[in-house]
N, C-alpha and C. Protein backbone atom coordinates (compact mmCIF):
# COMPACT_ATOMS: atom_id res chain seq x y z
N MET A 1 144.79 -83.21 -178.84
CA MET A 1 143.20 -82.62 -179.82
C MET A 1 143.94 -81.49 -180.53
N VAL A 2 143.25 -82.19 -182.28
CA VAL A 2 143.28 -81.39 -183.83
C VAL A 2 142.86 -79.64 -182.84
N THR A 3 143.37 -78.36 -183.01
CA THR A 3 142.69 -77.30 -183.34
C THR A 3 142.69 -76.94 -185.05
N ALA A 4 141.44 -76.94 -185.87
CA ALA A 4 141.75 -75.56 -186.44
C ALA A 4 140.96 -74.63 -186.68
N ALA A 5 141.80 -74.14 -187.76
CA ALA A 5 141.29 -72.23 -187.76
C ALA A 5 141.06 -72.26 -189.21
N LEU A 6 139.50 -71.33 -189.34
CA LEU A 6 139.30 -70.43 -190.24
C LEU A 6 139.63 -69.19 -190.44
N THR A 7 140.36 -69.04 -192.67
CA THR A 7 141.30 -67.96 -192.56
C THR A 7 139.85 -66.95 -192.12
N GLN A 8 140.51 -65.57 -192.01
CA GLN A 8 139.03 -64.37 -192.64
C GLN A 8 138.26 -64.29 -193.30
N CYS A 9 139.17 -64.76 -194.79
CA CYS A 9 137.73 -65.46 -195.66
C CYS A 9 136.28 -66.33 -195.55
N ASP A 10 136.94 -67.70 -195.14
CA ASP A 10 136.42 -69.05 -194.57
C ASP A 10 135.07 -68.62 -194.12
N HIS A 11 135.70 -67.80 -192.98
CA HIS A 11 135.45 -67.00 -191.22
C HIS A 11 133.93 -66.32 -191.88
N ARG A 12 133.99 -65.08 -192.60
CA ARG A 12 133.31 -64.27 -193.46
C ARG A 12 132.44 -65.45 -194.49
N ARG A 13 132.68 -66.32 -194.90
CA ARG A 13 131.49 -67.09 -195.97
C ARG A 13 131.38 -67.77 -194.93
N LEU A 14 131.01 -69.06 -193.81
CA LEU A 14 130.44 -69.53 -192.20
C LEU A 14 129.16 -68.40 -191.78
N LEU A 15 129.32 -66.62 -192.27
CA LEU A 15 128.79 -66.08 -191.43
C LEU A 15 128.27 -65.76 -192.71
N LYS A 16 127.67 -65.76 -193.60
CA LYS A 16 126.96 -65.54 -194.89
C LYS A 16 125.89 -66.70 -194.80
N LEU A 17 127.11 -67.43 -194.69
CA LEU A 17 126.42 -68.94 -194.94
C LEU A 17 124.84 -69.17 -193.96
N ALA A 18 125.47 -68.93 -192.74
CA ALA A 18 124.31 -69.55 -191.33
C ALA A 18 123.53 -67.97 -191.25
N ALA A 19 123.51 -66.28 -191.71
CA ALA A 19 122.82 -65.48 -191.93
C ALA A 19 121.63 -66.16 -192.88
N LYS A 20 121.64 -67.25 -193.85
CA LYS A 20 121.07 -67.00 -195.63
C LYS A 20 120.03 -68.63 -194.99
N ALA A 21 121.72 -69.71 -193.72
CA ALA A 21 120.09 -70.77 -193.19
C ALA A 21 120.17 -69.69 -192.24
N GLU A 22 119.52 -69.46 -191.77
CA GLU A 22 119.10 -68.77 -190.23
C GLU A 22 119.11 -69.72 -189.21
N ARG A 23 120.43 -69.90 -189.09
CA ARG A 23 120.50 -70.22 -187.75
C ARG A 23 122.90 -69.96 -186.93
N THR A 24 123.31 -70.32 -186.59
CA THR A 24 124.19 -69.59 -185.47
C THR A 24 125.19 -70.25 -186.78
N PRO A 25 126.49 -69.10 -186.99
CA PRO A 25 127.70 -70.37 -188.03
C PRO A 25 128.49 -71.08 -186.49
N GLN A 26 128.11 -71.22 -185.72
CA GLN A 26 128.81 -72.31 -184.52
C GLN A 26 127.69 -74.10 -185.36
N ALA A 27 126.27 -73.58 -185.09
CA ALA A 27 125.36 -74.91 -185.50
C ALA A 27 125.56 -75.34 -187.55
N MET A 28 126.22 -74.29 -187.72
CA MET A 28 126.94 -74.79 -189.13
C MET A 28 127.95 -75.08 -189.35
N LEU A 29 128.72 -74.08 -188.33
CA LEU A 29 130.04 -74.49 -188.58
C LEU A 29 129.91 -76.62 -188.95
N LYS A 30 129.52 -77.21 -188.20
CA LYS A 30 129.58 -78.81 -188.08
C LYS A 30 129.26 -79.24 -189.19
N PHE A 31 127.97 -78.87 -189.97
CA PHE A 31 127.54 -78.90 -191.42
C PHE A 31 128.28 -78.88 -191.82
N VAL A 32 129.24 -77.58 -191.99
CA VAL A 32 130.53 -77.26 -193.39
C VAL A 32 132.16 -77.91 -193.00
N LEU A 33 131.89 -78.94 -192.23
CA LEU A 33 133.09 -79.77 -191.48
C LEU A 33 132.88 -80.97 -191.89
N ARG A 34 131.13 -81.41 -192.07
CA ARG A 34 130.94 -83.13 -192.96
C ARG A 34 131.09 -82.26 -194.18
N ASP A 35 130.87 -81.86 -195.10
CA ASP A 35 129.94 -81.81 -196.39
C ASP A 35 130.72 -80.56 -197.32
N GLY A 36 131.57 -79.31 -196.53
CA GLY A 36 132.43 -78.24 -197.38
C GLY A 36 131.51 -77.70 -197.94
N PHE A 37 131.67 -76.54 -197.26
CA PHE A 37 131.92 -75.08 -197.99
C PHE A 37 130.12 -74.93 -199.00
N ASP A 38 131.01 -75.74 -200.44
CA ASP A 38 130.35 -75.31 -202.19
C ASP A 38 128.24 -76.47 -201.43
N TYR A 39 129.06 -77.64 -200.97
CA TYR A 39 127.15 -78.53 -201.05
C TYR A 39 126.52 -77.81 -199.34
N CYS A 40 126.93 -77.23 -198.44
CA CYS A 40 126.03 -75.93 -197.31
C CYS A 40 125.54 -75.24 -198.30
N GLU A 41 126.66 -74.25 -199.25
CA GLU A 41 125.52 -73.83 -200.03
C GLU A 41 124.37 -74.14 -200.77
N TYR A 42 124.68 -74.70 -201.92
CA TYR A 42 123.98 -75.38 -202.05
C TYR A 42 122.89 -75.81 -201.87
N VAL A 43 123.07 -76.64 -200.89
CA VAL A 43 121.69 -77.41 -200.33
C VAL A 43 121.15 -75.93 -199.57
N VAL A 44 121.47 -74.92 -198.79
CA VAL A 44 120.81 -73.84 -198.31
C VAL A 44 120.01 -73.00 -199.75
N GLU A 45 120.63 -72.95 -200.72
CA GLU A 45 120.73 -71.98 -201.42
C GLU A 45 119.02 -72.96 -202.05
N ALA A 46 118.97 -74.37 -202.01
CA ALA A 46 117.73 -75.34 -202.40
C ALA A 46 116.26 -74.67 -201.63
N VAL A 47 117.30 -74.89 -200.27
CA VAL A 47 115.92 -74.87 -199.55
C VAL A 47 115.55 -73.75 -199.37
N ASN A 48 115.79 -72.25 -199.63
CA ASN A 48 115.55 -71.40 -199.33
C ASN A 48 114.45 -70.50 -200.59
N GLU A 49 114.75 -71.64 -201.97
CA GLU A 49 114.47 -71.83 -203.30
C GLU A 49 112.88 -72.34 -202.73
N GLY A 50 112.83 -73.50 -202.36
CA GLY A 50 111.80 -74.42 -202.56
C GLY A 50 110.81 -73.80 -201.41
N ILE A 51 111.17 -73.00 -199.66
CA ILE A 51 110.55 -71.97 -199.74
C ILE A 51 109.54 -71.54 -200.68
N ALA A 52 110.54 -69.80 -200.40
CA ALA A 52 109.65 -69.05 -201.95
C ALA A 52 108.61 -69.90 -202.58
N ASP A 53 109.48 -70.47 -203.33
CA ASP A 53 108.33 -71.22 -204.53
C ASP A 53 107.01 -72.33 -203.60
N ARG A 54 107.27 -72.41 -201.97
CA ARG A 54 105.72 -72.43 -201.24
C ARG A 54 105.14 -71.56 -201.05
N SER A 55 105.99 -70.74 -200.92
CA SER A 55 105.13 -68.99 -200.04
C SER A 55 104.14 -68.69 -201.36
N SER A 56 104.74 -68.73 -202.87
CA SER A 56 103.89 -67.60 -203.51
C SER A 56 102.55 -68.77 -203.88
N SER A 57 102.28 -67.86 -205.28
CA SER A 57 100.23 -68.90 -205.43
C SER A 57 100.00 -69.75 -206.01
N ASP A 58 101.57 -69.75 -206.74
CA ASP A 58 101.31 -71.01 -207.96
C ASP A 58 100.93 -72.76 -207.32
N ILE A 59 101.94 -72.41 -206.09
CA ILE A 59 102.06 -74.17 -205.89
C ILE A 59 100.16 -74.45 -205.20
N ASP A 60 99.57 -73.07 -204.99
CA ASP A 60 98.44 -72.79 -204.76
C ASP A 60 97.69 -73.78 -205.33
N GLU A 61 97.89 -72.69 -205.94
CA GLU A 61 97.02 -73.39 -208.03
C GLU A 61 97.74 -74.76 -208.30
N VAL A 62 98.33 -74.91 -207.91
CA VAL A 62 98.73 -76.80 -208.59
C VAL A 62 98.20 -77.84 -208.04
N GLU A 63 98.57 -77.04 -206.19
CA GLU A 63 97.92 -77.88 -205.15
C GLU A 63 96.19 -78.48 -205.47
N ALA A 64 95.45 -77.68 -205.78
CA ALA A 64 93.60 -76.72 -206.00
C ALA A 64 94.03 -77.90 -206.91
N ARG A 65 94.85 -77.86 -208.72
CA ARG A 65 94.24 -78.95 -209.41
C ARG A 65 94.80 -80.73 -208.96
N ILE A 66 95.29 -80.71 -208.84
CA ILE A 66 95.72 -82.18 -208.38
C ILE A 66 94.41 -82.90 -207.29
N VAL A 67 93.82 -81.73 -206.28
CA VAL A 67 92.77 -81.94 -205.55
C VAL A 67 91.51 -82.50 -206.07
N ARG A 68 91.49 -80.76 -207.22
CA ARG A 68 90.49 -80.98 -208.08
C ARG A 68 90.48 -83.34 -208.34
N ARG A 69 91.41 -83.17 -209.62
CA ARG A 69 91.49 -84.18 -210.61
C ARG A 69 91.57 -85.64 -209.53
N ARG A 70 91.73 -85.59 -208.47
CA ARG A 70 91.79 -87.41 -207.29
C ARG A 70 90.84 -86.69 -207.06
N GLU A 71 89.79 -85.76 -206.90
CA GLU A 71 88.64 -85.88 -206.31
C GLU A 71 87.89 -86.61 -207.45
N ARG A 72 87.15 -85.77 -209.44
CA ARG A 72 87.22 -86.66 -209.95
C ARG A 72 87.19 -87.50 -210.06
N ARG A 73 88.55 -88.56 -209.68
CA ARG A 73 89.39 -89.46 -209.97
C ARG A 73 88.07 -90.69 -209.38
N ASP A 74 88.26 -89.96 -208.03
CA ASP A 74 87.88 -91.15 -207.08
C ASP A 74 86.35 -91.21 -207.56
N ARG A 75 85.25 -89.59 -207.77
CA ARG A 75 84.36 -90.10 -207.80
C ARG A 75 83.96 -91.01 -209.38
N ALA A 76 84.83 -90.99 -210.19
CA ALA A 76 84.80 -91.43 -212.04
C ALA A 76 84.71 -93.01 -210.99
N ALA A 77 85.42 -93.65 -209.92
CA ALA A 77 85.90 -94.78 -209.76
C ALA A 77 84.38 -95.63 -208.69
N ALA A 78 83.94 -94.13 -207.98
CA ALA A 78 82.75 -95.14 -206.99
C ALA A 78 81.36 -95.46 -208.37
């Protein structure tokens, strides 16, 4: 069995990534080993941005406009 060791720098990077992802370092390690740090950091950042956008009221306004347009379209088609 091969045992791998993280450098101190990589260990800190894993801890920061896990904190941003709200996961444990052990849970994030399997993704880092599979995909690499750069990709995992990119994905976590993109997901967190999406969650923040969804939490903002801008998305609610857009969704309301989409629903109104769909209702108008359905009424016009009926």
